[in-house]
PDB file of all heavy atoms in Angstrom:
ATOM      1  N   VAL A   1      -0.033 -32.032  -1.322  1.00  0.00           N
ATOM      2  CA  VAL A   1      -0.754 -32.521  -2.508  1.00  0.00           C
ATOM      3  C   VAL A   1       0.080 -32.395  -3.789  1.00  0.00           C
ATOM      4  O   VAL A   1       0.185 -33.364  -4.552  1.00  0.00           O
ATOM      5  CB  VAL A   1      -2.109 -31.796  -2.657  1.00  0.00           C
ATOM      6  CG1 VAL A   1      -2.734 -32.085  -4.021  1.00  0.00           C
ATOM      7  CG2 VAL A   1      -3.063 -32.218  -1.542  1.00  0.00           C
ATOM      8  N   PRO A   2       0.704 -31.255  -4.073  1.00  0.00           N
ATOM      9  CA  PRO A   2       1.469 -31.149  -5.335  1.00  0.00           C
ATOM     10  C   PRO A   2       2.766 -31.944  -5.350  1.00  0.00           C
ATOM     11  O   PRO A   2       3.365 -32.099  -6.421  1.00  0.00           O
ATOM     12  CB  PRO A   2       1.775 -29.644  -5.431  1.00  0.00           C
ATOM     13  CG  PRO A   2       0.887 -28.984  -4.433  1.00  0.00           C
ATOM     14  CD  PRO A   2       0.654 -29.977  -3.358  1.00  0.00           C
ATOM     15  N   GLU A   3       3.215 -32.408  -4.163  1.00  0.00           N
ATOM     16  CA  GLU A   3       4.493 -33.115  -4.040  1.00  0.00           C
ATOM     17  C   GLU A   3       5.625 -32.283  -4.629  1.00  0.00           C
ATOM     18  O   GLU A   3       6.487 -32.777  -5.355  1.00  0.00           O
ATOM     19  CB  GLU A   3       4.431 -34.494  -4.699  1.00  0.00           C
ATOM     20  CG  GLU A   3       3.406 -35.408  -4.046  1.00  0.00           C
ATOM     21  CD  GLU A   3       3.480 -36.846  -4.522  1.00  0.00           C
ATOM     22  OE1 GLU A   3       4.089 -37.103  -5.581  1.00  0.00           O
ATOM     23  OE2 GLU A   3       2.942 -37.731  -3.824  1.00  0.00           O
ATOM     24  N   ALA A   4       5.612 -30.994  -4.310  1.00  0.00           N
ATOM     25  CA  ALA A   4       6.572 -30.053  -4.909  1.00  0.00           C
ATOM     26  C   ALA A   4       7.295 -29.213  -3.863  1.00  0.00           C
ATOM     27  O   ALA A   4       7.867 -28.181  -4.202  1.00  0.00           O
ATOM     28  CB  ALA A   4       5.856 -29.147  -5.902  1.00  0.00           C
ATOM     29  N   GLY A   5       7.271 -29.626  -2.590  1.00  0.00           N
ATOM     30  CA  GLY A   5       8.109 -28.992  -1.591  1.00  0.00           C
ATOM     31  C   GLY A   5       7.465 -27.864  -0.806  1.00  0.00           C
ATOM     32  O   GLY A   5       6.239 -27.717  -0.775  1.00  0.00           O
ATOM     33  N   ASP A   6       8.327 -27.065  -0.192  1.00  0.00           N
ATOM     34  CA  ASP A   6       7.931 -26.124   0.847  1.00  0.00           C
ATOM     35  C   ASP A   6       7.305 -24.841   0.305  1.00  0.00           C
ATOM     36  O   ASP A   6       7.636 -24.382  -0.800  1.00  0.00           O
ATOM     37  CB  ASP A   6       9.147 -25.756   1.698  1.00  0.00           C
ATOM     38  CG  ASP A   6       9.704 -26.948   2.446  1.00  0.00           C
ATOM     39  OD1 ASP A   6       8.962 -27.923   2.640  1.00  0.00           O
ATOM     40  OD2 ASP A   6      10.887 -26.904   2.831  1.00  0.00           O
ATOM     41  N   TRP A   7       6.442 -24.274   1.120  1.00  0.00           N
ATOM     42  CA  TRP A   7       5.830 -22.961   0.892  1.00  0.00           C
ATOM     43  C   TRP A   7       5.099 -22.902  -0.449  1.00  0.00           C
ATOM     44  O   TRP A   7       5.001 -21.849  -1.065  1.00  0.00           O
ATOM     45  CB  TRP A   7       6.889 -21.865   1.006  1.00  0.00           C
ATOM     46  CG  TRP A   7       7.238 -21.490   2.411  1.00  0.00           C
ATOM     47  CD1 TRP A   7       7.209 -22.296   3.510  1.00  0.00           C
ATOM     48  CD2 TRP A   7       7.669 -20.205   2.876  1.00  0.00           C
ATOM     49  NE1 TRP A   7       7.593 -21.601   4.629  1.00  0.00           N
ATOM     50  CE2 TRP A   7       7.889 -20.322   4.269  1.00  0.00           C
ATOM     51  CE3 TRP A   7       7.910 -18.989   2.261  1.00  0.00           C
ATOM     52  CZ2 TRP A   7       8.326 -19.246   5.044  1.00  0.00           C
ATOM     53  CZ3 TRP A   7       8.345 -17.926   3.033  1.00  0.00           C
ATOM     54  CH2 TRP A   7       8.541 -18.054   4.417  1.00  0.00           C
ATOM     55  N   TYR A   8       4.554 -24.014  -0.856  1.00  0.00           N
ATOM     56  CA  TYR A   8       3.886 -24.069  -2.157  1.00  0.00           C
ATOM     57  C   TYR A   8       2.704 -23.109  -2.211  1.00  0.00           C
ATOM     58  O   TYR A   8       2.491 -22.409  -3.212  1.00  0.00           O
ATOM     59  CB  TYR A   8       3.420 -25.499  -2.440  1.00  0.00           C
ATOM     60  CG  TYR A   8       2.912 -25.715  -3.846  1.00  0.00           C
ATOM     61  CD1 TYR A   8       3.773 -26.114  -4.858  1.00  0.00           C
ATOM     62  CD2 TYR A   8       1.565 -25.522  -4.167  1.00  0.00           C
ATOM     63  CE1 TYR A   8       3.326 -26.318  -6.153  1.00  0.00           C
ATOM     64  CE2 TYR A   8       1.104 -25.719  -5.460  1.00  0.00           C
ATOM     65  CZ  TYR A   8       1.987 -26.117  -6.447  1.00  0.00           C
ATOM     66  OH  TYR A   8       1.535 -26.320  -7.728  1.00  0.00           O
ATOM     67  N   ALA A   9       1.915 -23.060  -1.148  1.00  0.00           N
ATOM     68  CA  ALA A   9       0.692 -22.256  -1.158  1.00  0.00           C
ATOM     69  C   ALA A   9       0.983 -20.772  -1.302  1.00  0.00           C
ATOM     70  O   ALA A   9       0.167 -20.027  -1.843  1.00  0.00           O
ATOM     71  CB  ALA A   9      -0.121 -22.510   0.109  1.00  0.00           C
ATOM     72  N   ARG A  10       2.106 -20.325  -0.827  1.00  0.00           N
ATOM     73  CA  ARG A  10       2.506 -18.927  -1.008  1.00  0.00           C
ATOM     74  C   ARG A  10       3.142 -18.708  -2.382  1.00  0.00           C
ATOM     75  O   ARG A  10       2.772 -17.800  -3.128  1.00  0.00           O
ATOM     76  CB  ARG A  10       3.484 -18.503   0.087  1.00  0.00           C
ATOM     77  CG  ARG A  10       4.083 -17.112  -0.131  1.00  0.00           C
ATOM     78  CD  ARG A  10       5.077 -16.740   0.964  1.00  0.00           C
ATOM     79  NE  ARG A  10       5.859 -15.561   0.589  1.00  0.00           N
ATOM     80  CZ  ARG A  10       5.471 -14.302   0.743  1.00  0.00           C
ATOM     81  NH1 ARG A  10       4.279 -14.046   1.273  1.00  0.00           N
ATOM     82  NH2 ARG A  10       6.245 -13.300   0.366  1.00  0.00           N
ATOM     83  N   ASN A  11       4.103 -19.550  -2.699  1.00  0.00           N
ATOM     84  CA  ASN A  11       4.925 -19.304  -3.885  1.00  0.00           C
ATOM     85  C   ASN A  11       4.200 -19.560  -5.197  1.00  0.00           C
ATOM     86  O   ASN A  11       4.609 -19.035  -6.243  1.00  0.00           O
ATOM     87  CB  ASN A  11       6.190 -20.148  -3.811  1.00  0.00           C
ATOM     88  CG  ASN A  11       7.114 -19.700  -2.702  1.00  0.00           C
ATOM     89  OD1 ASN A  11       7.048 -18.557  -2.253  1.00  0.00           O
ATOM     90  ND2 ASN A  11       7.962 -20.601  -2.225  1.00  0.00           N
ATOM     91  N   MET A  12       3.127 -20.340  -5.157  1.00  0.00           N
ATOM     92  CA  MET A  12       2.366 -20.570  -6.395  1.00  0.00           C
ATOM     93  C   MET A  12       1.705 -19.293  -6.895  1.00  0.00           C
ATOM     94  O   MET A  12       1.288 -19.218  -8.059  1.00  0.00           O
ATOM     95  CB  MET A  12       1.306 -21.650  -6.192  1.00  0.00           C
ATOM     96  CG  MET A  12       0.309 -21.333  -5.083  1.00  0.00           C
ATOM     97  SD  MET A  12      -1.197 -22.319  -5.147  1.00  0.00           S
ATOM     98  CE  MET A  12      -2.124 -21.423  -6.399  1.00  0.00           C
ATOM     99  N   TYR A  13       1.635 -18.287  -6.043  1.00  0.00           N
ATOM    100  CA  TYR A  13       1.072 -16.990  -6.420  1.00  0.00           C
ATOM    101  C   TYR A  13       2.162 -15.963  -6.731  1.00  0.00           C
ATOM    102  O   TYR A  13       1.874 -14.769  -6.805  1.00  0.00           O
ATOM    103  CB  TYR A  13       0.190 -16.458  -5.299  1.00  0.00           C
ATOM    104  CG  TYR A  13      -1.072 -17.256  -5.067  1.00  0.00           C
ATOM    105  CD1 TYR A  13      -1.211 -18.082  -3.957  1.00  0.00           C
ATOM    106  CD2 TYR A  13      -2.139 -17.179  -5.959  1.00  0.00           C
ATOM    107  CE1 TYR A  13      -2.370 -18.807  -3.734  1.00  0.00           C
ATOM    108  CE2 TYR A  13      -3.300 -17.903  -5.751  1.00  0.00           C
ATOM    109  CZ  TYR A  13      -3.417 -18.714  -4.632  1.00  0.00           C
ATOM    110  OH  TYR A  13      -4.574 -19.434  -4.428  1.00  0.00           O
ATOM    111  N   MET A  14       3.386 -16.419  -6.915  1.00  0.00           N
ATOM    112  CA  MET A  14       4.480 -15.519  -7.252  1.00  0.00           C
ATOM    113  C   MET A  14       5.001 -15.894  -8.633  1.00  0.00           C
ATOM    114  O   MET A  14       5.734 -16.870  -8.807  1.00  0.00           O
ATOM    115  CB  MET A  14       5.582 -15.590  -6.194  1.00  0.00           C
ATOM    116  CG  MET A  14       5.102 -15.123  -4.821  1.00  0.00           C
ATOM    117  SD  MET A  14       6.403 -15.057  -3.566  1.00  0.00           S
ATOM    118  CE  MET A  14       7.406 -13.716  -4.201  1.00  0.00           C
ATOM    119  N   GLN A  15       4.568 -15.127  -9.614  1.00  0.00           N
ATOM    120  CA  GLN A  15       4.924 -15.402 -11.003  1.00  0.00           C
ATOM    121  C   GLN A  15       6.442 -15.527 -11.159  1.00  0.00           C
ATOM    122  O   GLN A  15       7.200 -14.734 -10.614  1.00  0.00           O
ATOM    123  CB  GLN A  15       4.401 -14.287 -11.912  1.00  0.00           C
ATOM    124  CG  GLN A  15       4.575 -14.565 -13.396  1.00  0.00           C
ATOM    125  CD  GLN A  15       4.119 -13.405 -14.265  1.00  0.00           C
ATOM    126  OE1 GLN A  15       4.002 -12.276 -13.800  1.00  0.00           O
ATOM    127  NE2 GLN A  15       3.858 -13.685 -15.540  1.00  0.00           N
ATOM    128  N   GLY A  16       6.862 -16.544 -11.880  1.00  0.00           N
ATOM    129  CA  GLY A  16       8.287 -16.780 -12.095  1.00  0.00           C
ATOM    130  C   GLY A  16       8.889 -17.787 -11.146  1.00  0.00           C
ATOM    131  O   GLY A  16       9.991 -18.282 -11.397  1.00  0.00           O
ATOM    132  N   SER A  17       8.203 -18.111 -10.048  1.00  0.00           N
ATOM    133  CA  SER A  17       8.732 -19.096  -9.110  1.00  0.00           C
ATOM    134  C   SER A  17       8.492 -20.504  -9.639  1.00  0.00           C
ATOM    135  O   SER A  17       7.642 -20.736 -10.513  1.00  0.00           O
ATOM    136  CB  SER A  17       8.062 -18.943  -7.743  1.00  0.00           C
ATOM    137  OG  SER A  17       6.719 -19.409  -7.789  1.00  0.00           O
ATOM    138  N   GLY A  18       9.223 -21.458  -9.074  1.00  0.00           N
ATOM    139  CA  GLY A  18       9.024 -22.842  -9.471  1.00  0.00           C
ATOM    140  C   GLY A  18       7.628 -23.336  -9.154  1.00  0.00           C
ATOM    141  O   GLY A  18       7.027 -24.089  -9.929  1.00  0.00           O
ATOM    142  N   ALA A  19       7.096 -22.914  -7.995  1.00  0.00           N
ATOM    143  CA  ALA A  19       5.753 -23.344  -7.605  1.00  0.00           C
ATOM    144  C   ALA A  19       4.704 -22.772  -8.553  1.00  0.00           C
ATOM    145  O   ALA A  19       3.725 -23.458  -8.902  1.00  0.00           O
ATOM    146  CB  ALA A  19       5.471 -22.928  -6.168  1.00  0.00           C
ATOM    147  N   TYR A  20       4.868 -21.514  -8.964  1.00  0.00           N
ATOM    148  CA  TYR A  20       3.933 -20.900  -9.913  1.00  0.00           C
ATOM    149  C   TYR A  20       3.933 -21.679 -11.234  1.00  0.00           C
ATOM    150  O   TYR A  20       2.869 -22.026 -11.764  1.00  0.00           O
ATOM    151  CB  TYR A  20       4.329 -19.439 -10.150  1.00  0.00           C
ATOM    152  CG  TYR A  20       3.543 -18.735 -11.240  1.00  0.00           C
ATOM    153  CD1 TYR A  20       2.421 -17.987 -10.933  1.00  0.00           C
ATOM    154  CD2 TYR A  20       3.936 -18.814 -12.573  1.00  0.00           C
ATOM    155  CE1 TYR A  20       1.690 -17.339 -11.930  1.00  0.00           C
ATOM    156  CE2 TYR A  20       3.226 -18.174 -13.578  1.00  0.00           C
ATOM    157  CZ  TYR A  20       2.101 -17.437 -13.253  1.00  0.00           C
ATOM    158  OH  TYR A  20       1.395 -16.803 -14.242  1.00  0.00           O
ATOM    159  N   THR A  21       5.111 -21.964 -11.742  1.00  0.00           N
ATOM    160  CA  THR A  21       5.230 -22.704 -12.999  1.00  0.00           C
ATOM    161  C   THR A  21       4.579 -24.073 -12.882  1.00  0.00           C
ATOM    162  O   THR A  21       3.844 -24.512 -13.777  1.00  0.00           O
ATOM    163  CB  THR A  21       6.703 -22.834 -13.405  1.00  0.00           C
ATOM    164  OG1 THR A  21       7.275 -21.525 -13.536  1.00  0.00           O
ATOM    165  CG2 THR A  21       6.855 -23.591 -14.701  1.00  0.00           C
ATOM    166  N   HIS A  22       4.843 -24.753 -11.750  1.00  0.00           N
ATOM    167  CA  HIS A  22       4.259 -26.078 -11.522  1.00  0.00           C
ATOM    168  C   HIS A  22       2.743 -25.994 -11.450  1.00  0.00           C
ATOM    169  O   HIS A  22       2.030 -26.824 -12.044  1.00  0.00           O
ATOM    170  CB  HIS A  22       4.820 -26.678 -10.236  1.00  0.00           C
ATOM    171  CG  HIS A  22       4.255 -28.018  -9.885  1.00  0.00           C
ATOM    172  ND1 HIS A  22       3.062 -28.167  -9.192  1.00  0.00           N
ATOM    173  CD2 HIS A  22       4.706 -29.283 -10.132  1.00  0.00           C
ATOM    174  CE1 HIS A  22       2.812 -29.450  -9.029  1.00  0.00           C
ATOM    175  NE2 HIS A  22       3.788 -30.148  -9.599  1.00  0.00           N
ATOM    176  N   PHE A  23       2.224 -25.001 -10.751  1.00  0.00           N
ATOM    177  CA  PHE A  23       0.782 -24.892 -10.576  1.00  0.00           C
ATOM    178  C   PHE A  23       0.089 -24.626 -11.909  1.00  0.00           C
ATOM    179  O   PHE A  23      -0.925 -25.263 -12.239  1.00  0.00           O
ATOM    180  CB  PHE A  23       0.440 -23.785  -9.578  1.00  0.00           C
ATOM    181  CG  PHE A  23      -1.017 -23.737  -9.214  1.00  0.00           C
ATOM    182  CD1 PHE A  23      -1.525 -24.546  -8.218  1.00  0.00           C
ATOM    183  CD2 PHE A  23      -1.893 -22.905  -9.893  1.00  0.00           C
ATOM    184  CE1 PHE A  23      -2.879 -24.530  -7.896  1.00  0.00           C
ATOM    185  CE2 PHE A  23      -3.248 -22.874  -9.585  1.00  0.00           C
ATOM    186  CZ  PHE A  23      -3.738 -23.689  -8.574  1.00  0.00           C
ATOM    187  N   VAL A  24       0.617 -23.675 -12.669  1.00  0.00           N
ATOM    188  CA  VAL A  24       0.005 -23.350 -13.960  1.00  0.00           C
ATOM    189  C   VAL A  24      -0.008 -24.572 -14.873  1.00  0.00           C
ATOM    190  O   VAL A  24      -1.015 -24.854 -15.537  1.00  0.00           O
ATOM    191  CB  VAL A  24       0.746 -22.170 -14.618  1.00  0.00           C
ATOM    192  CG1 VAL A  24       0.286 -21.975 -16.063  1.00  0.00           C
ATOM    193  CG2 VAL A  24       0.528 -20.886 -13.821  1.00  0.00           C
ATOM    194  N   LYS A  25       1.085 -25.301 -14.894  1.00  0.00           N
ATOM    195  CA  LYS A  25       1.183 -26.482 -15.755  1.00  0.00           C
ATOM    196  C   LYS A  25       0.267 -27.606 -15.287  1.00  0.00           C
ATOM    197  O   LYS A  25      -0.332 -28.329 -16.117  1.00  0.00           O
ATOM    198  CB  LYS A  25       2.635 -26.972 -15.782  1.00  0.00           C
ATOM    199  CG  LYS A  25       2.861 -28.202 -16.644  1.00  0.00           C
ATOM    200  CD  LYS A  25       4.330 -28.618 -16.622  1.00  0.00           C
ATOM    201  CE  LYS A  25       4.567 -29.870 -17.461  1.00  0.00           C
ATOM    202  NZ  LYS A  25       5.997 -30.288 -17.436  1.00  0.00           N
ATOM    203  N   THR A  26       0.113 -27.756 -13.968  1.00  0.00           N
ATOM    204  CA  THR A  26      -0.597 -28.906 -13.411  1.00  0.00           C
ATOM    205  C   THR A  26      -2.076 -28.640 -13.173  1.00  0.00           C
ATOM    206  O   THR A  26      -2.924 -29.509 -13.428  1.00  0.00           O
ATOM    207  CB  THR A  26       0.063 -29.341 -12.090  1.00  0.00           C
ATOM    208  OG1 THR A  26       1.474 -29.496 -12.285  1.00  0.00           O
ATOM    209  CG2 THR A  26      -0.527 -30.654 -11.584  1.00  0.00           C
ATOM    210  N   TYR A  27      -2.392 -27.436 -12.708  1.00  0.00           N
ATOM    211  CA  TYR A  27      -3.765 -27.166 -12.259  1.00  0.00           C
ATOM    212  C   TYR A  27      -4.448 -26.015 -13.004  1.00  0.00           C
ATOM    213  O   TYR A  27      -5.670 -25.941 -13.035  1.00  0.00           O
ATOM    214  CB  TYR A  27      -3.778 -26.852 -10.761  1.00  0.00           C
ATOM    215  CG  TYR A  27      -3.142 -27.919  -9.917  1.00  0.00           C
ATOM    216  CD1 TYR A  27      -1.889 -27.726  -9.326  1.00  0.00           C
ATOM    217  CD2 TYR A  27      -3.784 -29.138  -9.705  1.00  0.00           C
ATOM    218  CE1 TYR A  27      -1.301 -28.708  -8.539  1.00  0.00           C
ATOM    219  CE2 TYR A  27      -3.203 -30.134  -8.927  1.00  0.00           C
ATOM    220  CZ  TYR A  27      -1.951 -29.908  -8.347  1.00  0.00           C
ATOM    221  OH  TYR A  27      -1.379 -30.878  -7.581  1.00  0.00           O
ATOM    222  N   GLY A  28      -3.673 -25.086 -13.558  1.00  0.00           N
ATOM    223  CA  GLY A  28      -4.267 -23.945 -14.244  1.00  0.00           C
ATOM    224  C   GLY A  28      -3.728 -22.634 -13.699  1.00  0.00           C
ATOM    225  O   GLY A  28      -2.884 -22.601 -12.801  1.00  0.00           O
ATOM    226  N   HIS A  29      -4.209 -21.551 -14.246  1.00  0.00           N
ATOM    227  CA  HIS A  29      -3.727 -20.232 -13.838  1.00  0.00           C
ATOM    228  C   HIS A  29      -4.363 -19.827 -12.505  1.00  0.00           C
ATOM    229  O   HIS A  29      -5.559 -20.051 -12.286  1.00  0.00           O
ATOM    230  CB  HIS A  29      -4.054 -19.190 -14.908  1.00  0.00           C
ATOM    231  CG  HIS A  29      -3.340 -17.898 -14.707  1.00  0.00           C
ATOM    232  ND1 HIS A  29      -3.822 -16.900 -13.879  1.00  0.00           N
ATOM    233  CD2 HIS A  29      -2.154 -17.437 -15.200  1.00  0.00           C
ATOM    234  CE1 HIS A  29      -2.972 -15.890 -13.877  1.00  0.00           C
ATOM    235  NE2 HIS A  29      -1.950 -16.193 -14.671  1.00  0.00           N
TER     236      HIS A  29
END
């Protein structure tokens, strides 16, 4: 769904990662 690559569901919960930054910007905290 985010079109942002691998392990997004894990890494979006790791502050400082690219996935976290993308998620906060796109969907919220």
